[in-house]
Amino acid sequence: MWRKHFSDYATILDFIHALTYVDAAGMAGRTLKEGWGACREWAQWVWGGQVEGVIAALKLRQQELNKPTKETPKTAPSAIVNTSLGYLQNQRLRMRYPAYRKQGLPFTSTYVKSTVKQINRRMNGTEKFWSHGVEGMLTLVADHLSDTPTLARFWRNRPPRLTGSRCHKSTVA
């Protein structure tokens, strides 16, 4: 799908996802102190575009722990390091973070996830029930959170007869 429709777009691995695998491999079978040191170093390497250095370090770590077998539990240090190594090897071309920063490209999806959370809080709060019309509300909330002038343009161009208040006729004759 990417090749067919989006081949001119940069495919970027979310930096937080990369760190998750680096952290898991760094801590696997180590004390907190030595694991944290490896995690910090490897995270800095990934940030600096030195993914191959992390991969080489993981290969050495894999040799220390031995390659996992089919019977090895997924939570065993050798299995965790093997999984992380495979993941980083498969994703290395999508981890050019210095180049992405230079181009001003996003390298994490946290902004989108944060916006989705804001919308969910507004739409799914207590005492809120939607039988119809939720799409319109979602559009308004998204426009409100957006950096574009869509919502201001909506209110500026809204027909005056659609004020939201009802006209009542007097019952006194």
Protein backbone atom coordinates (compact mmCIF):
# COMPACT_ATOMS: atom_id res chain seq x y z
CA MET A 1 0.00 0.00 0.00
CA TRP A 2 2.82 2.40 0.88
CA ARG A 3 4.66 1.73 -2.39
CA LYS A 4 1.48 2.17 -4.43
CA HIS A 5 -0.01 5.28 -2.80
CA PHE A 6 2.59 6.96 -0.60
CA SER A 7 6.00 6.09 -2.03
CA ASP A 8 7.17 9.71 -1.89
CA TYR A 9 6.43 9.93 1.86
CA ALA A 10 9.08 9.20 4.47
CA THR A 11 8.22 6.17 6.58
CA ILE A 12 9.28 6.89 10.13
CA LEU A 13 9.33 4.53 13.07
CA ASP A 14 7.81 6.18 16.12
CA PHE A 15 10.79 7.02 18.34
CA ILE A 16 8.91 5.86 21.44
CA HIS A 17 8.43 2.41 19.86
CA ALA A 18 12.16 2.17 19.17
CA LEU A 19 12.91 3.14 22.77
CA THR A 20 10.55 0.46 24.05
CA TYR A 21 12.62 -2.25 22.37
CA VAL A 22 15.92 -0.63 23.38
CA ASP A 23 14.74 -0.46 27.00
CA ALA A 24 13.52 -4.06 27.05
CA ALA A 25 16.80 -5.35 25.62
CA GLY A 26 18.93 -3.17 27.87
CA MET A 27 17.22 -4.35 31.05
CA ALA A 28 16.92 -8.03 30.06
CA GLY A 29 18.83 -10.18 32.55
CA ARG A 30 20.64 -7.23 34.14
CA THR A 31 20.54 -5.34 37.39
CA LEU A 32 18.79 -1.99 37.32
CA LYS A 33 22.10 -0.12 37.47
CA GLU A 34 23.80 -1.90 34.57
CA GLY A 35 20.58 -2.18 32.56
CA TRP A 36 19.86 1.52 32.91
CA GLY A 37 23.37 2.35 31.70
CA ALA A 38 22.87 0.26 28.56
CA CYS A 39 19.42 1.77 27.96
CA ARG A 40 20.70 5.32 28.22
CA GLU A 41 23.63 4.69 25.92
CA TRP A 42 21.59 2.85 23.32
CA ALA A 43 18.78 5.42 23.40
CA GLN A 44 21.34 8.16 22.73
CA TRP A 45 22.74 6.13 19.85
CA VAL A 46 19.28 5.72 18.32
CA TRP A 47 18.57 9.44 18.78
CA GLY A 48 21.90 10.24 17.13
CA GLY A 49 21.27 7.98 14.14
CA GLN A 50 23.68 5.25 15.24
CA VAL A 51 21.20 2.36 15.10
CA GLU A 52 23.87 0.05 13.69
CA GLY A 53 25.81 0.50 16.93
CA VAL A 54 22.82 -0.66 18.95
CA ILE A 55 22.34 -3.63 16.63
CA ALA A 56 26.00 -4.60 17.04
CA ALA A 57 25.72 -4.29 20.83
CA LEU A 58 22.58 -6.46 20.80
CA LYS A 59 24.34 -9.11 18.73
CA LEU A 60 27.10 -9.26 21.35
CA ARG A 61 24.51 -9.43 24.12
CA GLN A 62 22.74 -12.23 22.24
CA GLN A 63 25.99 -14.20 22.13
CA GLU A 64 26.39 -13.78 25.91
CA LEU A 65 22.87 -15.06 26.55
CA ASN A 66 22.76 -17.69 23.78
CA LYS A 67 20.12 -17.71 21.09
CA PRO A 68 16.68 -18.71 22.39
CA THR A 69 15.14 -22.01 21.36
CA LYS A 70 11.48 -22.79 20.67
CA GLU A 71 11.11 -23.85 24.30
CA THR A 72 12.58 -20.61 25.68
CA PRO A 73 9.88 -18.48 27.37
CA LYS A 74 9.19 -15.12 25.72
CA THR A 75 10.06 -13.41 28.99
CA ALA A 76 13.56 -14.94 29.16
CA PRO A 77 16.38 -12.40 28.66
CA SER A 78 17.66 -14.24 25.56
CA ALA A 79 14.19 -14.10 23.97
CA ILE A 80 13.73 -10.41 24.81
CA VAL A 81 17.12 -9.50 23.33
CA ASN A 82 16.40 -11.63 20.25
CA THR A 83 13.02 -9.95 19.70
CA SER A 84 14.50 -6.47 20.13
CA LEU A 85 17.40 -7.27 17.83
CA GLY A 86 15.08 -8.53 15.10
CA TYR A 87 12.79 -5.52 15.48
CA LEU A 88 15.60 -2.97 15.24
CA GLN A 89 17.17 -4.79 12.28
CA ASN A 90 13.84 -4.78 10.44
CA GLN A 91 13.10 -1.13 11.22
CA ARG A 92 16.57 0.44 10.90
CA LEU A 93 15.76 2.20 7.61
CA ARG A 94 12.86 3.96 9.35
CA MET A 95 15.05 5.26 12.20
CA ARG A 96 16.94 8.17 10.63
CA TYR A 97 16.02 10.54 13.43
CA PRO A 98 18.72 13.21 12.84
CA ALA A 99 17.58 13.55 9.21
CA TYR A 100 13.92 13.69 10.28
CA ARG A 101 14.66 16.41 12.82
CA LYS A 102 16.62 18.37 10.23
CA GLN A 103 13.63 18.20 7.86
CA GLY A 104 11.17 19.12 10.61
CA LEU A 105 9.33 15.80 10.28
CA PRO A 106 7.42 14.28 13.20
CA PHE A 107 9.04 11.19 14.70
CA THR A 108 6.46 10.31 17.33
CA SER A 109 2.70 9.81 17.31
CA THR A 110 2.24 11.20 20.82
CA TYR A 111 0.70 14.41 19.47
CA VAL A 112 -2.03 12.51 17.66
CA LYS A 113 -2.64 10.20 20.64
CA SER A 114 -2.91 13.21 22.94
CA THR A 115 -5.47 14.86 20.66
CA VAL A 116 -7.52 11.66 20.50
CA LYS A 117 -7.54 11.56 24.33
CA GLN A 118 -8.76 15.17 24.48
CA ILE A 119 -11.57 14.43 22.06
CA ASN A 120 -12.54 11.27 23.95
CA ARG A 121 -12.71 13.16 27.25
CA ARG A 122 -14.98 15.79 25.72
CA MET A 123 -17.19 13.31 23.91
CA ASN A 124 -17.33 10.41 26.39
CA GLY A 125 -17.51 12.20 29.71
CA THR A 126 -20.05 11.32 32.37
CA GLU A 127 -23.66 12.27 31.69
CA LYS A 128 -23.06 12.45 27.92
CA PHE A 129 -25.30 10.30 25.78
CA TRP A 130 -25.39 10.40 21.99
CA SER A 131 -28.25 8.92 20.02
CA HIS A 132 -27.57 10.94 16.88
CA GLY A 133 -25.52 13.96 15.88
CA VAL A 134 -22.24 12.80 17.39
CA GLU A 135 -20.44 13.25 14.04
CA GLY A 136 -21.25 16.95 14.07
CA MET A 137 -20.01 17.29 17.65
CA LEU A 138 -16.82 15.41 16.82
CA THR A 139 -16.23 17.77 13.93
CA LEU A 140 -16.72 20.81 16.17
CA VAL A 141 -14.39 19.43 18.85
CA ALA A 142 -11.74 18.56 16.25
CA ASP A 143 -12.06 22.02 14.71
CA HIS A 144 -11.77 23.60 18.16
CA LEU A 145 -8.54 21.67 18.87
CA SER A 146 -7.16 22.36 15.40
CA ASP A 147 -4.65 25.09 14.52
CA THR A 148 -6.66 25.96 11.41
CA PRO A 149 -9.32 28.73 11.30
CA THR A 150 -12.10 26.27 10.36
CA LEU A 151 -14.25 26.87 13.45
CA ALA A 152 -13.99 30.67 13.26
CA ARG A 153 -14.96 30.52 9.57
CA PHE A 154 -17.94 28.29 10.46
CA TRP A 155 -19.33 30.81 12.96
CA ARG A 156 -18.60 33.77 10.67
CA ASN A 157 -20.46 32.18 7.73
CA ARG A 158 -23.31 30.63 9.69
CA PRO A 159 -26.72 31.90 8.55
CA PRO A 160 -28.18 34.32 11.13
CA ARG A 161 -31.43 32.34 11.35
CA LEU A 162 -29.51 29.42 12.90
CA THR A 163 -28.89 31.02 16.28
CA GLY A 164 -29.79 28.01 18.37
CA SER A 165 -32.60 29.87 20.14
CA ARG A 166 -36.26 29.35 19.38
CA CYS A 167 -38.77 32.02 18.60
CA HIS A 168 -41.91 31.65 20.71
CA LYS A 169 -45.22 33.23 19.94
CA SER A 170 -46.96 34.98 22.73
CA THR A 171 -50.06 33.22 24.05
CA VAL A 172 -51.53 36.50 25.28
CA ALA A 173 -54.04 37.87 22.81
